[in-house]
């Protein structure tokens, strides 16, 4: 089992991150509608000084999944998407805080330490399906609430931004 796990880890970290063009070190350009724009202190861009992602680009990143309930939904569901720390690593930022903006105008500042301390994902799917806007999608900065009771604190809950459209790396 240990050998199998080590093989998976080697494969995961020896495989180029999806969306990063090997020859130029730049991100691929989105083919579909842009659902996320990242700006600010980033090293890898694909449109001007921004990194823009369509759904396929986000889905091509290594995915992480967990089951959790949330303060805003009934019952628990399986959510999946890239880990926020992996998304930031792809863009090579040196930062301590990100500013996340939602379609509905909500904004939150999230310390990057959250992404290292917890398996926070940029959820792109709920129970295997794309998350509709009316159900907090298409993107949701989501904490694994059921894994640690401290994540239900008011401070953390305000960082779980849904309908994400923009991340500014400070």
Protein backbone atom coordinates (compact mmCIF):
# COMPACT_ATOMS: atom_id res chain seq x y z
CA UNK A 1 0.00 0.00 0.00
CA UNK A 2 2.83 2.37 0.93
CA UNK A 3 4.57 1.69 -2.39
CA UNK A 4 1.35 2.36 -4.29
CA UNK A 5 0.85 5.63 -2.45
CA UNK A 6 4.45 6.72 -3.09
CA UNK A 7 4.04 5.92 -6.78
CA UNK A 8 0.92 8.06 -6.94
CA UNK A 9 2.70 10.96 -5.19
CA UNK A 10 5.65 10.74 -7.61
CA UNK A 11 3.28 10.65 -10.59
CA UNK A 12 1.27 13.58 -9.29
CA UNK A 13 4.28 15.80 -8.69
CA UNK A 14 6.18 14.79 -11.82
CA UNK A 15 3.23 15.54 -14.10
CA UNK A 16 3.14 19.14 -15.39
CA UNK A 17 0.25 21.10 -13.97
CA UNK A 18 -2.64 21.18 -16.40
CA UNK A 19 -3.06 24.42 -18.28
CA UNK A 20 0.58 25.48 -17.93
CA UNK A 21 2.22 25.40 -21.34
CA UNK A 22 5.54 23.63 -20.87
CA UNK A 23 7.45 25.46 -23.58
CA UNK A 24 6.63 29.02 -22.55
CA UNK A 25 5.77 28.73 -18.86
CA UNK A 26 2.54 30.59 -19.64
CA UNK A 27 -0.98 29.41 -19.04
CA UNK A 28 -3.06 28.12 -21.91
CA UNK A 29 -5.74 30.52 -23.15
CA UNK A 30 -9.31 29.50 -22.25
CA UNK A 31 -11.38 27.97 -25.07
CA UNK A 32 -14.73 28.30 -23.30
CA UNK A 33 -16.42 31.05 -21.31
CA UNK A 34 -14.16 32.50 -18.62
CA UNK A 35 -15.51 31.68 -15.17
CA UNK A 36 -12.52 32.80 -13.08
CA UNK A 37 -10.06 35.65 -13.39
CA UNK A 38 -7.01 35.87 -11.15
CA UNK A 39 -4.99 39.07 -11.00
CA UNK A 40 -2.45 40.78 -8.79
CA UNK A 41 0.86 39.29 -7.68
CA UNK A 42 1.00 36.34 -10.09
CA UNK A 43 3.86 35.04 -12.22
CA UNK A 44 1.88 33.09 -14.83
CA UNK A 45 -0.71 34.81 -17.00
CA UNK A 46 -2.57 34.10 -20.22
CA UNK A 47 -4.51 37.30 -21.02
CA UNK A 48 -2.57 40.49 -20.39
CA UNK A 49 -1.58 40.60 -16.72
CA UNK A 50 -4.35 38.19 -15.67
CA UNK A 51 -4.83 34.45 -15.46
CA UNK A 52 -8.21 33.53 -16.91
CA UNK A 53 -9.76 30.07 -16.56
CA UNK A 54 -12.66 28.34 -18.20
CA UNK A 55 -14.33 25.35 -16.58
CA UNK A 56 -12.26 22.81 -18.53
CA UNK A 57 -8.99 24.40 -17.37
CA UNK A 58 -10.07 24.24 -13.71
CA UNK A 59 -11.33 20.67 -14.16
CA UNK A 60 -7.95 19.67 -15.66
CA UNK A 61 -6.12 20.66 -12.47
CA UNK A 62 -5.62 17.94 -9.84
CA UNK A 63 -8.99 17.55 -8.11
CA UNK A 64 -9.69 17.11 -4.42
CA UNK A 65 -13.02 15.88 -3.06
CA UNK A 66 -14.68 15.83 0.32
CA UNK A 67 -18.11 15.31 1.78
CA UNK A 68 -19.42 18.11 3.98
CA UNK A 69 -22.49 19.92 5.10
CA UNK A 70 -22.51 23.70 5.01
CA UNK A 71 -24.36 26.35 7.02
CA UNK A 72 -26.23 27.30 3.80
CA UNK A 73 -27.33 23.94 2.41
CA UNK A 74 -29.38 21.01 3.67
CA UNK A 75 -27.64 17.73 4.38
CA UNK A 76 -24.18 16.88 3.19
CA UNK A 77 -22.87 16.64 -0.35
CA UNK A 78 -19.68 15.68 -2.14
CA UNK A 79 -17.81 18.70 -3.45
CA UNK A 80 -14.79 18.61 -5.74
CA UNK A 81 -12.36 21.04 -7.30
CA UNK A 82 -8.74 22.07 -7.15
CA UNK A 83 -7.21 22.81 -3.78
CA UNK A 84 -6.79 26.55 -3.39
CA UNK A 85 -3.15 26.04 -2.45
CA UNK A 86 -2.59 24.15 -5.74
CA UNK A 87 -4.26 26.90 -7.78
CA UNK A 88 -2.04 29.51 -6.13
CA UNK A 89 1.05 27.32 -6.63
CA UNK A 90 0.24 27.14 -10.34
CA UNK A 91 0.30 30.91 -10.53
CA UNK A 92 3.45 31.16 -8.37
CA UNK A 93 2.36 34.00 -6.14
CA UNK A 94 4.19 35.12 -3.07
CA UNK A 95 1.37 36.36 -0.93
CA UNK A 96 -0.23 36.20 2.45
CA UNK A 97 -3.80 37.19 1.51
CA UNK A 98 -6.17 36.82 -1.43
CA UNK A 99 -9.18 39.03 -2.07
CA UNK A 100 -12.09 37.02 -3.47
CA UNK A 101 -15.03 38.66 -5.29
CA UNK A 102 -18.38 37.07 -6.08
CA UNK A 103 -20.95 37.61 -8.82
CA UNK A 104 -23.37 39.08 -6.27
CA UNK A 105 -20.88 41.74 -5.13
CA UNK A 106 -19.76 39.96 -1.94
CA UNK A 107 -16.04 40.23 -1.19
CA UNK A 108 -13.75 38.60 1.37
CA UNK A 109 -10.09 38.61 2.23
CA UNK A 110 -8.74 35.14 2.97
CA UNK A 111 -5.34 34.49 4.53
CA UNK A 112 -3.32 32.04 2.44
CA UNK A 113 -2.50 30.24 5.70
CA UNK A 114 -6.09 28.87 5.57
CA UNK A 115 -5.20 27.05 2.35
CA UNK A 116 -2.15 25.48 3.99
CA UNK A 117 -3.92 24.62 7.25
CA UNK A 118 -7.08 23.15 5.68
CA UNK A 119 -7.98 21.40 2.42
CA UNK A 120 -9.90 24.40 1.09
CA UNK A 121 -11.08 23.82 -2.48
CA UNK A 122 -12.39 25.97 -5.26
CA UNK A 123 -15.44 23.77 -5.69
CA UNK A 124 -16.52 23.32 -9.29
CA UNK A 125 -18.80 20.32 -8.74
CA UNK A 126 -21.36 19.15 -6.20
CA UNK A 127 -22.24 15.45 -6.22
CA UNK A 128 -20.45 15.12 -9.57
CA UNK A 129 -22.35 17.89 -11.35
CA UNK A 130 -21.43 21.48 -12.20
CA UNK A 131 -22.74 23.83 -9.51
CA UNK A 132 -25.42 26.16 -10.89
CA UNK A 133 -25.34 29.85 -9.97
CA UNK A 134 -28.61 29.50 -8.03
CA UNK A 135 -26.91 26.83 -5.86
CA UNK A 136 -23.75 28.84 -5.01
CA UNK A 137 -21.81 28.15 -8.23
CA UNK A 138 -20.22 28.04 -10.58
CA UNK A 139 -17.25 28.34 -8.18
CA UNK A 140 -17.23 28.22 -4.39
CA UNK A 141 -14.29 28.67 -2.02
CA UNK A 142 -15.29 25.83 0.26
CA UNK A 143 -13.88 24.65 3.56
CA UNK A 144 -14.32 21.04 4.77
CA UNK A 145 -16.69 22.18 7.53
CA UNK A 146 -17.46 18.68 8.84
CA UNK A 147 -13.77 17.85 9.37
CA UNK A 148 -13.11 20.51 12.00
CA UNK A 149 -15.66 22.29 14.22
CA UNK A 150 -13.51 25.43 14.35
CA UNK A 151 -14.27 25.95 10.65
CA UNK A 152 -17.85 26.82 11.59
CA UNK A 153 -16.71 29.99 13.34
CA UNK A 154 -18.24 33.18 11.98
CA UNK A 155 -14.82 34.39 10.81
CA UNK A 156 -14.23 31.28 8.67
CA UNK A 157 -17.82 31.11 7.36
CA UNK A 158 -17.42 34.61 5.90
CA UNK A 159 -14.42 33.36 3.93
CA UNK A 160 -16.42 30.60 2.17
CA UNK A 161 -17.27 32.76 -0.84
CA UNK A 162 -19.73 31.35 -3.36
CA UNK A 163 -20.35 32.51 -6.93
CA UNK A 164 -16.63 33.33 -7.16
CA UNK A 165 -15.63 35.26 -10.27
CA UNK A 166 -12.36 36.99 -9.35
CA UNK A 167 -9.38 36.42 -7.09
CA UNK A 168 -6.88 39.20 -6.48
CA UNK A 169 -3.57 37.93 -5.11
CA UNK A 170 -2.25 40.59 -2.73
